[in-house]
Protein backbone atom coordinates (compact mmCIF):
# COMPACT_ATOMS: atom_id res chain seq x y z
CA MET A 1 92.71 153.19 55.98
CA LYS A 2 93.68 149.70 54.86
CA PRO A 3 95.20 149.06 51.43
CA GLY A 4 93.36 146.96 48.86
CA HIS A 5 94.03 143.23 48.68
CA SER A 6 96.30 143.55 45.63
CA LEU A 7 98.76 145.77 47.51
CA ILE A 8 99.22 143.50 50.50
CA LYS A 9 102.45 141.59 50.86
CA HIS A 10 102.27 138.48 53.06
CA TYR A 11 105.19 136.46 54.45
CA LEU A 12 103.93 132.86 54.44
CA GLN A 13 107.08 131.09 53.26
CA PHE A 14 110.66 132.12 52.53
CA LYS A 15 110.19 132.33 48.77
CA ASP A 16 107.47 135.00 49.16
CA LEU A 17 110.23 137.62 48.96
CA ARG A 18 112.96 138.07 46.34
CA ALA A 19 116.75 138.21 46.83
CA PRO A 20 116.95 142.05 46.65
CA GLU A 21 114.24 142.28 49.32
CA TYR A 22 116.31 140.02 51.58
CA ALA A 23 119.42 142.14 50.99
CA TYR A 24 117.36 145.15 52.08
CA LEU A 25 115.91 143.34 55.15
CA PHE A 26 119.36 142.25 56.34
CA GLU A 27 120.60 145.86 56.04
CA ARG A 28 117.57 147.17 57.95
CA ALA A 29 117.91 144.50 60.63
CA ALA A 30 121.53 145.55 61.23
CA ILE A 31 120.50 149.22 61.56
CA ILE A 32 117.55 148.40 63.84
CA LYS A 33 119.72 146.12 66.01
CA LYS A 34 122.40 148.81 66.37
CA ARG A 35 119.76 151.32 67.49
CA PHE A 36 118.44 148.80 70.01
CA LYS A 37 121.95 148.21 71.43
CA ASN A 38 122.52 151.98 71.71
CA TYR A 39 119.16 152.53 73.48
CA GLU A 40 118.04 154.78 70.61
CA LYS A 41 114.29 155.16 70.55
CA TYR A 42 112.89 154.20 67.15
CA GLN A 43 109.11 153.92 66.88
CA PRO A 44 107.96 153.91 63.24
CA LEU A 45 105.00 151.63 64.07
CA ALA A 46 103.34 153.93 66.60
CA ASP A 47 99.54 153.43 66.51
CA ARG A 48 99.96 150.10 64.68
CA THR A 49 98.65 146.86 66.18
CA LEU A 50 99.95 143.33 65.71
CA ALA A 51 97.62 140.38 66.40
CA MET A 52 99.50 137.22 67.36
CA ILE A 53 97.55 133.96 67.02
CA PHE A 54 99.11 130.90 68.67
CA GLU A 55 97.79 127.40 68.04
CA LYS A 56 101.28 126.08 68.80
CA ALA A 57 102.88 127.25 72.04
CA SER A 58 106.02 129.35 71.85
CA THR A 59 108.74 131.09 73.83
CA ARG A 60 111.00 132.78 71.28
CA THR A 61 108.30 133.58 68.73
CA ARG A 62 106.08 135.26 71.30
CA VAL A 63 108.83 137.22 73.07
CA SER A 64 110.57 138.30 69.85
CA PHE A 65 107.40 139.53 68.11
CA GLU A 66 105.85 141.09 71.21
CA ALA A 67 108.98 142.85 72.48
CA GLY A 68 109.85 143.89 68.92
CA MET A 69 106.45 145.42 68.25
CA TYR A 70 106.50 147.35 71.53
CA GLN A 71 110.02 148.62 70.80
CA MET A 72 108.81 149.87 67.39
CA GLY A 73 106.08 151.85 69.16
CA GLY A 74 103.19 149.52 68.33
CA SER A 75 100.87 147.39 70.43
CA VAL A 76 100.05 143.69 70.52
CA VAL A 77 96.93 141.55 70.86
CA HIS A 78 97.81 138.02 71.96
CA LEU A 79 95.41 135.18 71.09
CA THR A 80 95.85 131.53 72.02
CA THR A 81 93.90 128.52 70.77
CA GLY A 82 91.40 128.99 73.59
CA ASP A 83 90.79 132.59 72.58
CA SER A 84 90.62 132.18 68.82
CA GLN A 85 89.91 128.54 67.88
CA LEU A 86 90.87 129.10 64.26
CA GLY A 87 88.40 127.27 62.05
CA ARG A 88 86.62 125.53 64.94
CA SER A 89 84.06 127.86 66.49
CA GLU A 90 84.20 130.07 63.37
CA PRO A 91 85.41 129.48 59.80
CA ILE A 92 88.98 130.69 59.20
CA GLU A 93 87.71 133.00 56.44
CA ASP A 94 85.39 134.77 58.89
CA SER A 95 88.06 135.07 61.60
CA ALA A 96 90.44 136.59 59.05
CA LYS A 97 87.88 139.11 57.82
CA VAL A 98 87.05 140.24 61.36
CA ILE A 99 90.55 140.30 62.89
CA SER A 100 92.12 142.05 59.90
CA ARG A 101 89.61 144.93 60.17
CA MET A 102 90.83 145.69 63.68
CA VAL A 103 94.61 145.34 63.44
CA ASP A 104 97.41 146.27 61.03
CA LEU A 105 99.37 143.03 60.96
CA VAL A 106 98.77 139.37 61.90
CA MET A 107 101.33 136.74 62.96
CA ILE A 108 100.11 133.14 63.10
CA ARG A 109 101.86 130.09 64.57
CA THR A 110 99.84 127.01 63.71
CA TYR A 111 99.95 123.45 62.37
CA GLU A 112 98.89 123.25 58.69
CA GLN A 113 100.23 125.79 56.19
CA ALA A 114 96.79 125.57 54.50
CA LYS A 115 95.22 127.35 57.49
CA LEU A 116 97.69 130.20 57.18
CA THR A 117 97.15 130.46 53.42
CA LYS A 118 93.37 130.54 53.87
CA PHE A 119 93.63 133.23 56.55
CA ALA A 120 95.91 135.38 54.36
CA ALA A 121 93.55 135.05 51.37
CA ASN A 122 90.82 136.66 53.48
CA SER A 123 92.92 139.23 55.31
CA ARG A 124 93.00 142.97 54.61
CA VAL A 125 96.42 143.25 56.28
CA PRO A 126 99.79 141.45 55.94
CA VAL A 127 100.06 137.98 57.50
CA ILE A 128 103.35 136.53 58.81
CA ASN A 129 104.12 132.84 59.27
CA GLY A 130 105.36 132.41 62.87
CA LEU A 131 105.81 128.67 62.16
CA THR A 132 103.78 125.92 60.51
CA ASN A 133 104.39 122.19 60.06
CA GLU A 134 105.76 122.96 56.59
CA TYR A 135 107.82 126.17 56.97
CA HIS A 136 109.57 128.45 59.47
CA PRO A 137 110.67 131.49 57.42
CA CYS A 138 111.27 133.92 60.30
CA GLN A 139 113.77 131.51 61.85
CA ILE A 140 115.78 131.11 58.65
CA LEU A 141 115.67 134.89 58.23
CA ALA A 142 117.33 135.14 61.67
CA ASP A 143 119.78 132.32 60.93
CA ILE A 144 121.05 133.86 57.69
CA PHE A 145 121.30 137.30 59.31
CA THR A 146 123.36 135.71 62.10
CA TYR A 147 125.63 134.02 59.56
CA ILE A 148 126.15 137.36 57.75
CA GLU A 149 127.00 139.09 61.06
CA HIS A 150 129.68 136.52 61.87
CA ARG A 151 131.04 135.52 58.46
CA GLY A 152 129.74 137.86 55.74
CA SER A 153 127.73 136.83 52.68
CA ILE A 154 126.20 133.34 52.64
CA GLN A 155 126.28 133.22 48.82
CA GLY A 156 128.30 130.24 47.58
CA LYS A 157 128.58 128.73 51.07
CA VAL A 158 127.60 125.24 52.29
CA VAL A 159 125.05 124.68 55.05
CA ALA A 160 124.86 121.17 56.53
CA TRP A 161 121.39 120.16 57.75
CA VAL A 162 121.60 117.15 60.08
CA GLY A 163 118.38 115.53 61.33
CA ASP A 164 114.71 115.73 60.47
CA GLY A 165 113.50 116.76 57.00
CA ASN A 166 111.09 119.16 58.69
CA ASN A 167 109.83 122.76 58.32
CA MET A 168 113.33 124.12 59.00
CA ALA A 169 114.90 121.90 56.34
CA ASN A 170 112.21 122.89 53.81
CA THR A 171 112.87 126.56 54.49
CA TRP A 172 116.65 126.19 54.25
CA LEU A 173 116.17 124.72 50.75
CA GLN A 174 114.01 127.67 49.67
CA ALA A 175 116.63 130.08 51.01
CA ALA A 176 119.46 128.23 49.22
CA GLU A 177 117.66 128.43 45.88
CA LEU A 178 116.89 132.12 46.33
CA LEU A 179 120.18 133.35 47.82
CA GLY A 180 122.66 131.14 45.98
CA PHE A 181 124.13 128.71 48.49
CA THR A 182 123.99 124.89 48.91
CA VAL A 183 122.41 122.76 51.63
CA HIS A 184 123.88 119.34 52.43
CA VAL A 185 120.95 117.36 53.83
CA SER A 186 121.35 114.20 55.90
CA THR A 187 118.26 112.60 57.45
CA PRO A 188 117.44 109.06 58.63
CA ASN A 189 115.47 106.84 56.23
CA GLY A 190 111.81 107.76 56.30
CA TYR A 191 112.46 111.34 57.45
CA GLU A 192 113.70 112.81 54.18
CA VAL A 193 112.91 116.28 52.88
CA ASP A 194 110.03 116.22 50.40
CA PRO A 195 111.15 118.47 47.50
CA ALA A 196 107.50 119.03 46.54
CA VAL A 197 106.75 120.47 50.00
CA ALA A 198 110.02 122.40 50.08
CA GLY A 199 108.91 123.88 46.77
CA VAL A 200 112.31 124.23 45.12
CA SER A 201 112.78 123.83 41.38
CA ASN A 202 116.59 123.91 41.25
CA PRO A 203 117.99 120.49 42.29
CA ASP A 204 121.51 121.99 42.48
CA CYS A 205 120.65 124.01 45.61
CA TYR A 206 120.89 120.91 47.79
CA LYS A 207 122.64 117.53 47.99
CA VAL A 208 121.47 114.50 49.98
CA PHE A 209 123.89 112.41 52.07
CA LYS A 210 123.15 109.12 53.83
CA ASP A 211 125.98 109.71 56.30
CA PRO A 212 125.74 112.92 58.35
CA MET A 213 129.56 113.07 58.55
CA ASP A 214 129.68 113.40 54.75
CA ALA A 215 127.06 116.15 54.88
CA CYS A 216 129.19 118.11 57.37
CA ARG A 217 132.44 117.72 55.44
CA GLY A 218 133.63 121.16 54.33
CA ALA A 219 130.48 122.92 55.58
CA ASP A 220 130.52 126.60 56.55
CA LEU A 221 127.54 126.15 58.87
CA VAL A 222 126.22 123.06 60.64
CA THR A 223 122.65 123.21 61.88
CA THR A 224 120.02 120.92 63.33
CA ASP A 225 116.70 120.84 65.19
CA VAL A 226 114.92 118.67 67.75
CA TRP A 227 114.20 115.13 66.59
CA THR A 228 110.53 115.42 67.51
CA SER A 229 108.86 118.64 66.43
CA MET A 230 105.70 119.93 68.10
CA GLY A 231 102.70 117.88 66.99
CA TYR A 232 104.72 114.68 66.49
CA GLU A 233 105.17 113.73 70.16
CA ALA A 234 103.49 110.32 69.67
CA GLU A 235 106.46 109.33 67.46
CA ASN A 236 109.05 110.30 70.08
CA GLU A 237 110.42 106.84 70.95
CA ALA A 238 110.54 105.66 67.33
CA ARG A 239 112.33 108.87 66.38
CA LYS A 240 114.93 108.51 69.14
CA LYS A 241 115.91 105.13 67.70
CA ALA A 242 115.88 106.29 64.07
CA PHE A 243 117.91 109.45 64.75
CA ALA A 244 120.57 107.94 67.08
CA ASP A 245 123.39 108.52 64.53
CA TRP A 246 122.25 112.06 63.69
CA CYS A 247 123.51 113.78 66.84
CA VAL A 248 125.78 116.71 65.97
CA ASP A 249 128.99 116.06 67.91
CA ALA A 250 132.60 117.26 67.97
CA GLU A 251 133.54 114.76 65.21
CA MET A 252 130.99 116.26 62.82
CA MET A 253 132.17 119.79 63.61
CA ALA A 254 135.79 118.66 63.10
CA VAL A 255 135.16 117.66 59.46
CA ALA A 256 133.37 120.96 58.72
CA LYS A 257 135.49 124.02 57.90
CA PRO A 258 137.71 125.16 60.80
CA ASP A 259 135.69 128.37 61.15
CA ALA A 260 132.29 126.67 60.70
CA LEU A 261 129.43 127.94 62.86
CA PHE A 262 126.87 125.81 64.69
CA MET A 263 123.20 126.85 64.86
CA HIS A 264 120.04 125.44 66.43
CA CYS A 265 116.62 127.13 66.45
CA LEU A 266 115.98 125.96 70.05
CA PRO A 267 114.69 124.52 72.31
CA ALA A 268 117.60 122.06 72.34
CA HIS A 269 117.93 118.62 73.92
CA ARG A 270 121.61 118.15 74.77
CA GLY A 271 122.64 114.54 74.22
CA GLU A 272 119.95 114.00 71.58
CA GLU A 273 120.24 116.10 68.40
CA VAL A 274 123.39 117.90 69.64
CA GLU A 275 126.10 117.22 72.19
CA ALA A 276 126.54 119.78 74.98
CA ASP A 277 130.15 120.50 74.00
CA VAL A 278 128.97 121.63 70.55
CA ILE A 279 125.98 123.81 71.46
CA ASP A 280 127.85 125.30 74.43
CA GLY A 281 131.16 125.39 72.57
CA PRO A 282 133.10 128.17 70.78
CA GLN A 283 131.59 127.56 67.32
CA SER A 284 128.01 127.85 68.56
CA VAL A 285 126.14 131.10 67.84
CA VAL A 286 122.73 129.91 69.07
CA TRP A 287 122.20 132.79 71.52
CA ASP A 288 122.94 135.45 68.88
CA GLU A 289 120.67 133.48 66.55
CA ALA A 290 117.83 133.49 69.11
CA GLU A 291 118.17 137.22 69.80
CA ASN A 292 118.28 137.98 66.08
CA ARG A 293 114.74 136.65 65.66
CA MET A 294 113.60 139.91 67.22
CA HIS A 295 115.77 142.18 65.07
CA VAL A 296 114.93 140.58 61.70
CA GLN A 297 111.23 140.44 62.58
CA LYS A 298 111.28 144.14 63.42
CA ALA A 299 112.78 144.80 59.98
CA LEU A 300 110.17 142.49 58.40
CA MET A 301 107.22 144.17 60.16
CA GLU A 302 108.54 147.59 59.21
CA TYR A 303 108.86 146.51 55.58
CA LEU A 304 105.43 144.87 55.35
CA LEU A 305 103.72 147.92 56.87
CA LEU A 306 105.79 150.85 55.58
CA GLY A 307 107.68 149.53 52.55
CA ARG A 308 111.27 150.59 51.99
CA ILE A 309 112.59 153.29 54.27
CA GLY A 310 114.64 155.98 52.53
């Protein structure tokens, strides 16, 4: 019933797929979203089961994957740290071998990317990264799809990343290298993106700016994230001081292109990484962006399980 290891395609970081595969996924996501909006039943994953393993809590990741899988006709098994204890009560390799014999697809949201990689190496079914400390590919998939919906192709465009050199920033760099756009990165000292972790070989896909205003100048999209990601709460006060000048405000949006969009992967802290008048303003597409997690993930699950349709 299950394919051999060599045939399995995992989605552990953004660069696991190629540019033509992304073009296909964005097309499929648009079709799947349109069907959803028209209340057209579409259930290609009937009799398929998704296991979701959460070591990091989640709102959007859980709702988008769970609702999406049910809409595609499949079912979901939801495991939290208490249920699964990845690598604690049982080696990750053993958990992967057991779980992947019982389901068709696994989504994991955890801390270290190494855990995800180890699980995938021992899985008989595709594994999806629902977020790790290092990468958040499903979110960038949704962000780029949202940009395409509002403004067309992202190729040749400029994305300004203001804030922490975190998993989102790493994934934006991978996407820029693969899909042919540029990221302007501005982070406080000590919170820079590590190119080795980002895993990009083309230095032209991003530029680093000390001043976030300079990063936003002429940008087509301005995006940010919370100053303190999950797992780094102990650093919260130090981060608030370090990031004080990296709050996306109306001035930053004013130096971007007049039709620039604002995105945030949520949850947002108004008055910290973004001012309320930006995230709740006319250039913000954060609610479309959040909804689109579900649509792109439906396209991704369909692709990993069924390959290209038509």
